[in-house]
Amino acid sequence: MARSTLSARQYIMHRLSAYGLDIFIGKMQIIAKRDSEILIMSDFDLSQQEDIGDKFGLSSTRVDQIARKTRQRVRNELFKMSGFRDEIEKLEKEVRLLRYKLEKANNVIREQNKPVPTTEEIDALKIEDLDMSVRLYNSIKANKINSVGDLKEVGNECLEWRNFGKKSYEELAEILDGVKVQWPLKDKRLF
């Protein structure tokens, strides 16, 4: 028989039964079947301790003791599970990090396995495809140079171009070194 007024604990347990906590308790292997039935009847079905005692042949005091002991065991197991959840989240983070590093390593391997471009392919490379500052790009385009092959023909006379100085010269030399182009072909590098 259910009580007309519920204690706070009974109300919470009654509400938790909608989420299957009573089923979870019933299936816990570390708790004896009788003990889990007593706890479920006491906390979820809201049966009187005398009624539970009559069913199992126990005193109401013993029913209360078993319910408290079982409640503590369930609480301990749930606490352990929350620790496992934190550990699982930590391991999932590590797995995501390792997957990211693996993908990055695979990208490096793919890049290294690419065939070495031929001289013709490098010469045909457009200026727009090179990573350079806007000032350098504008200076090169203003002198009607469209590809790396056109740049190879230009020597130190580029220093006479408008908005092209020592800094631009060094940047251009670094970019061309990055694509494995010897520059300038006719002259020595000044800087």
N, C-alpha and C. Protein backbone atom coordinates (compact mmCIF):
# COMPACT_ATOMS: atom_id res chain seq x y z
N MET A 1 0.84 -1.18 0.00
CA MET A 1 0.00 0.00 0.00
C MET A 1 0.89 1.25 0.00
N ALA A 2 0.61 2.18 -0.88
CA ALA A 2 1.42 3.38 -1.00
C ALA A 2 1.01 4.41 0.04
N ARG A 3 1.98 5.15 0.50
CA ARG A 3 1.70 6.20 1.48
C ARG A 3 1.08 7.39 0.77
N SER A 4 0.30 8.15 1.50
CA SER A 4 -0.33 9.32 0.89
C SER A 4 0.65 10.47 0.77
N THR A 5 1.61 10.59 1.69
CA THR A 5 2.64 11.62 1.59
C THR A 5 3.98 10.92 1.42
N LEU A 6 4.79 11.47 0.52
CA LEU A 6 6.08 10.85 0.21
C LEU A 6 7.20 11.65 0.86
N SER A 7 8.21 10.93 1.33
CA SER A 7 9.40 11.62 1.80
C SER A 7 10.16 12.10 0.56
N ALA A 8 11.12 12.98 0.77
CA ALA A 8 11.91 13.50 -0.36
C ALA A 8 12.63 12.37 -1.09
N ARG A 9 13.20 11.43 -0.32
CA ARG A 9 13.91 10.31 -0.93
C ARG A 9 12.96 9.45 -1.74
N GLN A 10 11.79 9.16 -1.20
CA GLN A 10 10.82 8.34 -1.92
C GLN A 10 10.34 9.03 -3.19
N TYR A 11 10.11 10.33 -3.12
CA TYR A 11 9.67 11.07 -4.29
C TYR A 11 10.72 11.00 -5.40
N ILE A 12 11.99 11.20 -5.02
CA ILE A 12 13.08 11.15 -6.01
C ILE A 12 13.18 9.76 -6.61
N MET A 13 13.13 8.72 -5.78
CA MET A 13 13.24 7.36 -6.28
C MET A 13 12.05 7.04 -7.19
N HIS A 14 10.87 7.50 -6.80
CA HIS A 14 9.69 7.26 -7.63
C HIS A 14 9.86 7.93 -9.00
N ARG A 15 10.40 9.13 -9.01
CA ARG A 15 10.63 9.84 -10.28
C ARG A 15 11.71 9.15 -11.12
N LEU A 16 12.74 8.61 -10.45
CA LEU A 16 13.83 7.93 -11.16
C LEU A 16 13.38 6.62 -11.79
N SER A 17 12.31 6.04 -11.30
CA SER A 17 11.84 4.78 -11.89
C SER A 17 11.44 4.99 -13.34
N ALA A 18 11.03 6.20 -13.70
CA ALA A 18 10.69 6.49 -15.11
C ALA A 18 11.91 6.37 -15.99
N TYR A 19 13.10 6.54 -15.45
CA TYR A 19 14.34 6.45 -16.23
C TYR A 19 14.97 5.06 -16.17
N GLY A 20 14.29 4.13 -15.52
CA GLY A 20 14.76 2.76 -15.51
C GLY A 20 15.76 2.43 -14.42
N LEU A 21 15.87 3.25 -13.41
CA LEU A 21 16.81 2.95 -12.32
C LEU A 21 16.40 1.69 -11.58
N ASP A 22 15.09 1.47 -11.43
CA ASP A 22 14.64 0.26 -10.76
C ASP A 22 15.01 -0.98 -11.55
N ILE A 23 14.94 -0.91 -12.88
CA ILE A 23 15.34 -2.05 -13.72
C ILE A 23 16.85 -2.27 -13.61
N PHE A 24 17.60 -1.17 -13.59
CA PHE A 24 19.05 -1.25 -13.43
C PHE A 24 19.41 -1.94 -12.12
N ILE A 25 18.75 -1.54 -11.05
CA ILE A 25 19.03 -2.13 -9.73
C ILE A 25 18.68 -3.61 -9.74
N GLY A 26 17.57 -3.96 -10.39
CA GLY A 26 17.16 -5.36 -10.45
C GLY A 26 18.14 -6.23 -11.20
N LYS A 27 18.92 -5.65 -12.11
CA LYS A 27 19.86 -6.44 -12.92
C LYS A 27 21.30 -6.37 -12.42
N MET A 28 21.54 -5.62 -11.36
CA MET A 28 22.91 -5.52 -10.84
C MET A 28 23.33 -6.87 -10.27
N GLN A 29 24.44 -7.39 -10.73
CA GLN A 29 24.87 -8.72 -10.32
C GLN A 29 25.53 -8.73 -8.94
N ILE A 30 25.97 -7.60 -8.46
CA ILE A 30 26.65 -7.59 -7.15
C ILE A 30 25.66 -7.55 -5.99
N ILE A 31 24.36 -7.39 -6.31
CA ILE A 31 23.33 -7.32 -5.27
C ILE A 31 22.48 -8.59 -5.37
N ALA A 32 22.23 -9.19 -4.23
CA ALA A 32 21.38 -10.39 -4.19
C ALA A 32 19.99 -10.04 -4.69
N LYS A 33 19.35 -10.99 -5.35
CA LYS A 33 18.02 -10.77 -5.93
C LYS A 33 17.03 -10.31 -4.86
N ARG A 34 17.05 -10.96 -3.69
CA ARG A 34 16.13 -10.58 -2.61
C ARG A 34 16.36 -9.14 -2.18
N ASP A 35 17.64 -8.75 -2.05
CA ASP A 35 17.96 -7.39 -1.59
C ASP A 35 17.50 -6.35 -2.61
N SER A 36 17.72 -6.63 -3.91
CA SER A 36 17.28 -5.66 -4.92
C SER A 36 15.76 -5.57 -4.96
N GLU A 37 15.05 -6.71 -4.76
CA GLU A 37 13.58 -6.67 -4.72
C GLU A 37 13.09 -5.85 -3.53
N ILE A 38 13.75 -6.02 -2.39
CA ILE A 38 13.36 -5.25 -1.19
C ILE A 38 13.55 -3.75 -1.45
N LEU A 39 14.69 -3.37 -2.04
CA LEU A 39 14.94 -1.95 -2.32
C LEU A 39 13.93 -1.41 -3.32
N ILE A 40 13.65 -2.16 -4.36
CA ILE A 40 12.69 -1.69 -5.38
C ILE A 40 11.30 -1.55 -4.77
N MET A 41 10.89 -2.52 -3.97
CA MET A 41 9.57 -2.43 -3.33
C MET A 41 9.51 -1.26 -2.36
N SER A 42 10.59 -1.04 -1.64
CA SER A 42 10.62 0.02 -0.63
C SER A 42 10.67 1.40 -1.27
N ASP A 43 11.57 1.59 -2.25
CA ASP A 43 11.81 2.93 -2.78
C ASP A 43 11.02 3.26 -4.04
N PHE A 44 10.74 2.27 -4.85
CA PHE A 44 10.07 2.55 -6.12
C PHE A 44 8.58 2.24 -6.07
N ASP A 45 8.24 1.10 -5.49
CA ASP A 45 6.82 0.74 -5.40
C ASP A 45 6.16 1.38 -4.19
N LEU A 46 6.99 1.94 -3.29
CA LEU A 46 6.53 2.64 -2.09
C LEU A 46 5.68 1.75 -1.18
N SER A 47 6.07 0.48 -1.12
CA SER A 47 5.38 -0.47 -0.24
C SER A 47 5.78 -0.22 1.21
N GLN A 48 4.89 -0.56 2.13
CA GLN A 48 5.18 -0.43 3.55
C GLN A 48 6.20 -1.50 3.95
N GLN A 49 7.06 -1.18 4.91
CA GLN A 49 8.07 -2.14 5.35
C GLN A 49 7.45 -3.39 5.95
N GLU A 50 6.32 -3.24 6.59
CA GLU A 50 5.64 -4.40 7.16
C GLU A 50 5.19 -5.36 6.06
N ASP A 51 4.67 -4.78 4.95
CA ASP A 51 4.21 -5.60 3.83
C ASP A 51 5.39 -6.32 3.18
N ILE A 52 6.50 -5.62 3.04
CA ILE A 52 7.70 -6.23 2.44
C ILE A 52 8.21 -7.33 3.36
N GLY A 53 8.23 -7.06 4.66
CA GLY A 53 8.67 -8.05 5.64
C GLY A 53 7.82 -9.30 5.60
N ASP A 54 6.49 -9.14 5.46
CA ASP A 54 5.59 -10.29 5.39
C ASP A 54 5.91 -11.13 4.15
N LYS A 55 6.20 -10.47 3.03
CA LYS A 55 6.48 -11.20 1.79
C LYS A 55 7.75 -12.05 1.91
N PHE A 56 8.79 -11.49 2.56
CA PHE A 56 10.08 -12.19 2.63
C PHE A 56 10.32 -12.88 3.98
N GLY A 57 9.38 -12.79 4.89
CA GLY A 57 9.53 -13.41 6.21
C GLY A 57 10.57 -12.70 7.06
N LEU A 58 10.58 -11.36 7.00
CA LEU A 58 11.55 -10.56 7.75
C LEU A 58 10.82 -9.54 8.60
N SER A 59 11.52 -9.04 9.61
CA SER A 59 10.94 -7.96 10.42
C SER A 59 11.08 -6.65 9.66
N SER A 60 10.28 -5.68 10.03
CA SER A 60 10.36 -4.37 9.34
C SER A 60 11.71 -3.71 9.59
N THR A 61 12.31 -3.97 10.76
CA THR A 61 13.64 -3.42 11.06
C THR A 61 14.67 -4.02 10.13
N ARG A 62 14.59 -5.32 9.91
CA ARG A 62 15.54 -5.99 9.02
C ARG A 62 15.35 -5.52 7.57
N VAL A 63 14.11 -5.30 7.15
CA VAL A 63 13.82 -4.79 5.81
C VAL A 63 14.48 -3.42 5.64
N ASP A 64 14.35 -2.59 6.67
CA ASP A 64 14.96 -1.26 6.62
C ASP A 64 16.48 -1.36 6.52
N GLN A 65 17.09 -2.28 7.30
CA GLN A 65 18.55 -2.48 7.25
C GLN A 65 18.99 -2.93 5.86
N ILE A 66 18.29 -3.89 5.29
CA ILE A 66 18.65 -4.40 3.96
C ILE A 66 18.50 -3.30 2.91
N ALA A 67 17.42 -2.54 3.01
CA ALA A 67 17.20 -1.46 2.04
C ALA A 67 18.32 -0.42 2.12
N ARG A 68 18.70 -0.04 3.34
CA ARG A 68 19.78 0.95 3.50
C ARG A 68 21.10 0.41 2.96
N LYS A 69 21.42 -0.84 3.30
CA LYS A 69 22.67 -1.45 2.82
C LYS A 69 22.68 -1.55 1.29
N THR A 70 21.58 -1.96 0.72
CA THR A 70 21.48 -2.09 -0.74
C THR A 70 21.55 -0.73 -1.41
N ARG A 71 20.89 0.25 -0.84
CA ARG A 71 20.94 1.62 -1.36
C ARG A 71 22.38 2.13 -1.40
N GLN A 72 23.14 1.84 -0.34
CA GLN A 72 24.55 2.26 -0.29
C GLN A 72 25.37 1.55 -1.37
N ARG A 73 25.12 0.27 -1.58
CA ARG A 73 25.85 -0.48 -2.62
C ARG A 73 25.54 0.08 -4.00
N VAL A 74 24.27 0.41 -4.24
CA VAL A 74 23.88 1.00 -5.54
C VAL A 74 24.57 2.35 -5.71
N ARG A 75 24.56 3.14 -4.64
CA ARG A 75 25.21 4.46 -4.69
C ARG A 75 26.70 4.31 -5.02
N ASN A 76 27.37 3.35 -4.38
CA ASN A 76 28.79 3.12 -4.64
C ASN A 76 29.03 2.71 -6.09
N GLU A 77 28.18 1.83 -6.61
CA GLU A 77 28.33 1.39 -8.00
C GLU A 77 28.11 2.55 -8.98
N LEU A 78 27.11 3.37 -8.71
CA LEU A 78 26.86 4.52 -9.58
C LEU A 78 28.02 5.50 -9.52
N PHE A 79 28.60 5.66 -8.33
CA PHE A 79 29.77 6.53 -8.20
C PHE A 79 30.94 5.99 -9.02
N LYS A 80 31.15 4.67 -8.95
CA LYS A 80 32.21 4.06 -9.75
C LYS A 80 31.96 4.29 -11.24
N MET A 81 30.69 4.14 -11.64
CA MET A 81 30.35 4.34 -13.05
C MET A 81 30.61 5.76 -13.50
N SER A 82 30.36 6.73 -12.62
CA SER A 82 30.64 8.11 -13.00
C SER A 82 32.13 8.31 -13.18
N GLY A 83 32.94 7.63 -12.38
CA GLY A 83 34.40 7.68 -12.55
C GLY A 83 34.80 7.06 -13.88
N PHE A 84 34.13 5.96 -14.25
CA PHE A 84 34.40 5.34 -15.55
C PHE A 84 34.03 6.29 -16.67
N ARG A 85 32.93 7.02 -16.50
CA ARG A 85 32.50 7.96 -17.54
C ARG A 85 33.57 9.03 -17.77
N ASP A 86 34.12 9.56 -16.67
CA ASP A 86 35.18 10.55 -16.80
C ASP A 86 36.40 9.96 -17.49
N GLU A 87 36.73 8.72 -17.14
CA GLU A 87 37.87 8.05 -17.76
C GLU A 87 37.61 7.81 -19.25
N ILE A 88 36.38 7.43 -19.58
CA ILE A 88 36.02 7.20 -20.98
C ILE A 88 36.12 8.50 -21.77
N GLU A 89 35.63 9.60 -21.20
CA GLU A 89 35.72 10.90 -21.88
C GLU A 89 37.18 11.28 -22.11
N LYS A 90 38.02 11.02 -21.13
CA LYS A 90 39.45 11.32 -21.26
C LYS A 90 40.07 10.48 -22.37
N LEU A 91 39.74 9.19 -22.40
CA LEU A 91 40.27 8.31 -23.45
C LEU A 91 39.75 8.71 -24.83
N GLU A 92 38.49 9.13 -24.90
CA GLU A 92 37.94 9.58 -26.19
C GLU A 92 38.67 10.81 -26.69
N LYS A 93 39.02 11.73 -25.78
CA LYS A 93 39.81 12.91 -26.17
C LYS A 93 41.16 12.49 -26.73
N GLU A 94 41.81 11.53 -26.04
CA GLU A 94 43.11 11.04 -26.50
C GLU A 94 42.98 10.38 -27.87
N VAL A 95 41.91 9.64 -28.09
CA VAL A 95 41.69 8.98 -29.38
C VAL A 95 41.52 10.04 -30.47
N ARG A 96 40.73 11.09 -30.19
CA ARG A 96 40.55 12.16 -31.19
C ARG A 96 41.88 12.83 -31.51
N LEU A 97 42.71 13.08 -30.48
CA LEU A 97 44.01 13.70 -30.70
C LEU A 97 44.91 12.79 -31.53
N LEU A 98 44.91 11.49 -31.21
CA LEU A 98 45.73 10.55 -31.97
C LEU A 98 45.25 10.43 -33.42
N ARG A 99 43.94 10.47 -33.64
CA ARG A 99 43.42 10.44 -35.02
C ARG A 99 43.85 11.67 -35.78
N TYR A 100 43.81 12.83 -35.10
CA TYR A 100 44.26 14.06 -35.76
C TYR A 100 45.74 13.97 -36.14
N LYS A 101 46.56 13.48 -35.20
CA LYS A 101 47.99 13.35 -35.48
C LYS A 101 48.24 12.34 -36.58
N LEU A 102 47.47 11.26 -36.60
CA LEU A 102 47.62 10.25 -37.64
C LEU A 102 47.26 10.83 -39.00
N GLU A 103 46.18 11.59 -39.06
CA GLU A 103 45.78 12.21 -40.33
C GLU A 103 46.84 13.19 -40.81
N LYS A 104 47.41 13.94 -39.87
CA LYS A 104 48.46 14.89 -40.21
C LYS A 104 49.69 14.14 -40.75
N ALA A 105 50.06 13.04 -40.10
CA ALA A 105 51.20 12.24 -40.56
C ALA A 105 50.91 11.63 -41.93
N ASN A 106 49.68 11.17 -42.15
CA ASN A 106 49.32 10.64 -43.46
C ASN A 106 49.41 11.70 -44.55
N ASN A 107 49.03 12.93 -44.22
CA ASN A 107 49.14 14.03 -45.19
C ASN A 107 50.60 14.29 -45.54
N VAL A 108 51.48 14.26 -44.54
CA VAL A 108 52.92 14.46 -44.79
C VAL A 108 53.45 13.35 -45.69
N ILE A 109 53.04 12.12 -45.40
CA ILE A 109 53.50 10.98 -46.22
C ILE A 109 53.01 11.13 -47.65
N ARG A 110 51.73 11.53 -47.81
CA ARG A 110 51.20 11.74 -49.17
C ARG A 110 51.99 12.82 -49.90
N GLU A 111 52.32 13.90 -49.18
CA GLU A 111 53.09 14.98 -49.80
C GLU A 111 54.47 14.49 -50.22
N GLN A 112 55.10 13.67 -49.39
CA GLN A 112 56.44 13.18 -49.71
C GLN A 112 56.43 12.18 -50.85
N ASN A 113 55.32 11.50 -51.04
CA ASN A 113 55.24 10.51 -52.11
C ASN A 113 54.83 11.11 -53.45
N LYS A 114 54.57 12.40 -53.47
CA LYS A 114 54.24 13.04 -54.74
C LYS A 114 55.47 13.03 -55.63
N PRO A 115 55.26 12.88 -56.92
CA PRO A 115 56.41 12.91 -57.82
C PRO A 115 57.04 14.31 -57.86
N VAL A 116 58.32 14.34 -58.03
CA VAL A 116 59.05 15.61 -58.11
C VAL A 116 58.64 16.30 -59.41
N PRO A 117 58.20 17.56 -59.32
CA PRO A 117 57.77 18.24 -60.54
C PRO A 117 58.95 18.45 -61.51
N THR A 118 58.63 18.39 -62.77
CA THR A 118 59.65 18.61 -63.80
C THR A 118 59.94 20.10 -63.92
N THR A 119 61.02 20.43 -64.61
CA THR A 119 61.38 21.84 -64.84
C THR A 119 60.28 22.55 -65.59
N GLU A 120 59.69 21.86 -66.56
CA GLU A 120 58.61 22.48 -67.34
C GLU A 120 57.40 22.78 -66.46
N GLU A 121 57.08 21.87 -65.53
CA GLU A 121 55.95 22.10 -64.64
C GLU A 121 56.22 23.27 -63.70
N ILE A 122 57.45 23.37 -63.23
CA ILE A 122 57.80 24.49 -62.35
C ILE A 122 57.76 25.79 -63.13
N ASP A 123 58.30 25.80 -64.35
CA ASP A 123 58.29 27.02 -65.17
C ASP A 123 56.87 27.46 -65.49
N ALA A 124 55.95 26.52 -65.63
CA ALA A 124 54.57 26.86 -65.97
C ALA A 124 53.76 27.31 -64.75
N LEU A 125 54.34 27.18 -63.57
CA LEU A 125 53.64 27.57 -62.35
C LEU A 125 53.32 29.06 -62.38
N LYS A 126 52.06 29.41 -62.17
CA LYS A 126 51.63 30.81 -62.24
C LYS A 126 52.05 31.56 -60.98
N ILE A 127 52.29 32.83 -61.14
CA ILE A 127 52.69 33.71 -60.03
C ILE A 127 51.61 33.70 -58.95
N GLU A 128 50.33 33.61 -59.36
CA GLU A 128 49.22 33.62 -58.41
C GLU A 128 49.27 32.43 -57.46
N ASP A 129 49.92 31.34 -57.88
CA ASP A 129 49.99 30.13 -57.06
C ASP A 129 51.08 30.19 -56.00
N LEU A 130 51.95 31.19 -56.08
CA LEU A 130 53.02 31.34 -55.10
C LEU A 130 52.52 32.18 -53.93
N ASP A 131 52.95 31.83 -52.75
CA ASP A 131 52.54 32.56 -51.55
C ASP A 131 53.51 33.73 -51.34
N MET A 132 53.03 34.93 -51.66
CA MET A 132 53.90 36.12 -51.54
C MET A 132 53.09 37.31 -51.06
N SER A 133 53.82 38.34 -50.64
CA SER A 133 53.16 39.55 -50.16
C SER A 133 52.49 40.27 -51.32
N VAL A 134 51.52 41.09 -50.99
CA VAL A 134 50.78 41.85 -52.01
C VAL A 134 51.71 42.81 -52.74
N ARG A 135 52.64 43.43 -52.01
CA ARG A 135 53.56 44.38 -52.63
C ARG A 135 54.42 43.69 -53.68
N LEU A 136 54.98 42.53 -53.34
CA LEU A 136 55.81 41.79 -54.29
C LEU A 136 54.98 41.34 -55.48
N TYR A 137 53.79 40.82 -55.22
CA TYR A 137 52.91 40.37 -56.30
C TYR A 137 52.60 41.52 -57.26
N ASN A 138 52.24 42.67 -56.72
CA ASN A 138 51.91 43.83 -57.57
C ASN A 138 53.11 44.28 -58.39
N SER A 139 54.31 44.27 -57.80
CA SER A 139 55.51 44.66 -58.54
C SER A 139 55.78 43.71 -59.70
N ILE A 140 55.63 42.42 -59.46
CA ILE A 140 55.89 41.43 -60.51
C ILE A 140 54.85 41.54 -61.62
N LYS A 141 53.57 41.65 -61.25
CA LYS A 141 52.51 41.74 -62.25
C LYS A 141 52.61 43.04 -63.05
N ALA A 142 53.06 44.13 -62.40
CA ALA A 142 53.20 45.41 -63.10
C ALA A 142 54.24 45.31 -64.20
N ASN A 143 55.18 44.38 -64.08
CA ASN A 143 56.22 44.20 -65.09
C ASN A 143 55.88 43.03 -66.04
N LYS A 144 54.60 42.68 -66.08
CA LYS A 144 54.07 41.69 -67.02
C LYS A 144 54.75 40.32 -66.93
N ILE A 145 54.96 39.89 -65.70
CA ILE A 145 55.53 38.56 -65.47
C ILE A 145 54.40 37.69 -64.91
N ASN A 146 54.13 36.55 -65.58
CA ASN A 146 52.98 35.73 -65.22
C ASN A 146 53.32 34.35 -64.68
N SER A 147 54.56 33.89 -64.89
CA SER A 147 54.90 32.53 -64.46
C SER A 147 56.30 32.50 -63.87
N VAL A 148 56.63 31.38 -63.26
CA VAL A 148 57.96 31.20 -62.68
C VAL A 148 59.01 31.22 -63.79
N GLY A 149 58.67 30.66 -64.96
CA GLY A 149 59.60 30.68 -66.10
C GLY A 149 59.96 32.10 -66.50
N ASP A 150 58.97 33.02 -66.48
CA ASP A 150 59.24 34.42 -66.80
C ASP A 150 60.15 35.04 -65.74
N LEU A 151 59.95 34.65 -64.47
CA LEU A 151 60.77 35.20 -63.39
C LEU A 151 62.22 34.76 -63.51
N LYS A 152 62.45 33.53 -63.99
CA LYS A 152 63.81 33.03 -64.12
C LYS A 152 64.63 33.89 -65.08
N GLU A 153 63.98 34.46 -66.05
CA GLU A 153 64.66 35.29 -67.04
C GLU A 153 65.07 36.65 -66.48
N VAL A 154 64.41 37.07 -65.41
CA VAL A 154 64.70 38.37 -64.82
C VAL A 154 65.88 38.20 -63.86
N GLY A 155 66.82 39.05 -63.96
CA GLY A 155 67.98 39.01 -63.07
C GLY A 155 67.88 40.13 -62.05
N ASN A 156 69.03 40.70 -61.72
CA ASN A 156 69.09 41.76 -60.72
C ASN A 156 68.49 43.07 -61.20
N GLU A 157 68.10 43.13 -62.49
CA GLU A 157 67.46 44.36 -62.97
C GLU A 157 66.09 44.57 -62.31
N CYS A 158 65.58 43.55 -61.62
CA CYS A 158 64.30 43.72 -60.92
C CYS A 158 64.40 44.79 -59.84
N LEU A 159 65.63 45.08 -59.38
CA LEU A 159 65.80 46.13 -58.36
C LEU A 159 65.46 47.51 -58.90
N GLU A 160 65.37 47.62 -60.21
CA GLU A 160 65.01 48.91 -60.81
C GLU A 160 63.50 49.07 -60.91
N TRP A 161 62.74 48.03 -60.63
CA TRP A 161 61.30 48.12 -60.70
C TRP A 161 60.77 49.02 -59.60
N ARG A 162 59.61 49.59 -59.84
CA ARG A 162 58.94 50.44 -58.86
C ARG A 162 58.46 49.58 -57.68
N ASN A 163 58.63 50.04 -56.46
CA ASN A 163 58.22 49.35 -55.22
C ASN A 163 58.91 48.00 -55.04
N PHE A 164 60.11 47.86 -55.57
CA PHE A 164 60.85 46.61 -55.43
C PHE A 164 62.22 46.95 -54.87
N GLY A 165 62.45 46.56 -53.63
CA GLY A 165 63.72 46.86 -52.98
C GLY A 165 64.35 45.60 -52.41
N LYS A 166 65.24 45.81 -51.44
CA LYS A 166 65.99 44.71 -50.86
C LYS A 166 65.06 43.67 -50.22
N LYS A 167 64.05 44.13 -49.49
CA LYS A 167 63.13 43.22 -48.82
C LYS A 167 62.36 42.38 -49.84
N SER A 168 61.87 42.99 -50.90
CA SER A 168 61.16 42.26 -51.94
C SER A 168 62.09 41.28 -52.64
N TYR A 169 63.33 41.69 -52.87
CA TYR A 169 64.33 40.83 -53.52
C TYR A 169 64.56 39.57 -52.67
N GLU A 170 64.75 39.76 -51.36
CA GLU A 170 64.98 38.63 -50.45
C GLU A 170 63.75 37.71 -50.39
N GLU A 171 62.55 38.30 -50.38
CA GLU A 171 61.33 37.50 -50.35
C GLU A 171 61.19 36.67 -51.62
N LEU A 172 61.47 37.29 -52.76
CA LEU A 172 61.39 36.57 -54.04
C LEU A 172 62.41 35.44 -54.09
N ALA A 173 63.63 35.69 -53.63
CA ALA A 173 64.66 34.65 -53.61
C ALA A 173 64.22 33.49 -52.71
N GLU A 174 63.63 33.77 -51.56
CA GLU A 174 63.17 32.73 -50.64
C GLU A 174 62.04 31.91 -51.26
N ILE A 175 61.11 32.57 -51.93
CA ILE A 175 59.98 31.87 -52.58
C ILE A 175 60.50 30.96 -53.68
N LEU A 176 61.41 31.46 -54.49
CA LEU A 176 61.93 30.64 -55.59
C LEU A 176 62.79 29.50 -55.06
N ASP A 177 63.51 29.71 -53.97
CA ASP A 177 64.24 28.60 -53.35
C ASP A 177 63.27 27.53 -52.88
N GLY A 178 62.09 27.95 -52.41
CA GLY A 178 61.07 27.00 -51.93
C GLY A 178 60.54 26.09 -53.02
N VAL A 179 60.51 26.59 -54.26
CA VAL A 179 60.06 25.74 -55.38
C VAL A 179 61.24 25.18 -56.15
N LYS A 180 62.43 25.26 -55.55
CA LYS A 180 63.67 24.67 -56.11
C LYS A 180 64.07 25.29 -57.45
N VAL A 181 63.99 26.61 -57.51
CA VAL A 181 64.40 27.33 -58.72
C VAL A 181 65.65 28.13 -58.39
N GLN A 182 66.67 27.95 -59.24
CA GLN A 182 67.89 28.75 -59.08
C GLN A 182 67.62 30.12 -59.69
N TRP A 183 67.81 31.15 -58.89
CA TRP A 183 67.51 32.51 -59.35
C TRP A 183 68.51 33.49 -58.75
N PRO A 184 68.94 34.45 -59.42
CA PRO A 184 68.85 34.69 -60.87
C PRO A 184 69.81 33.79 -61.64
N LEU A 185 69.47 33.52 -62.88
CA LEU A 185 70.30 32.64 -63.71
C LEU A 185 71.56 33.34 -64.19
N LYS A 186 71.44 34.62 -64.59
CA LYS A 186 72.57 35.32 -65.22
C LYS A 186 73.50 35.97 -64.19
N ASP A 187 72.96 36.47 -63.11
CA ASP A 187 73.73 37.26 -62.16
C ASP A 187 73.90 36.50 -60.82
N LYS A 188 74.75 37.04 -59.98
CA LYS A 188 74.85 36.54 -58.61
C LYS A 188 73.78 37.23 -57.78
N ARG A 189 73.40 36.57 -56.73
CA ARG A 189 72.44 37.20 -55.81
C ARG A 189 73.14 38.33 -55.07
N LEU A 190 72.42 39.41 -54.95
CA LEU A 190 73.02 40.58 -54.29
C LEU A 190 72.84 40.53 -52.78
N PHE A 191 71.80 39.95 -52.32
CA PHE A 191 71.52 39.95 -50.87
C PHE A 191 71.35 38.52 -50.38
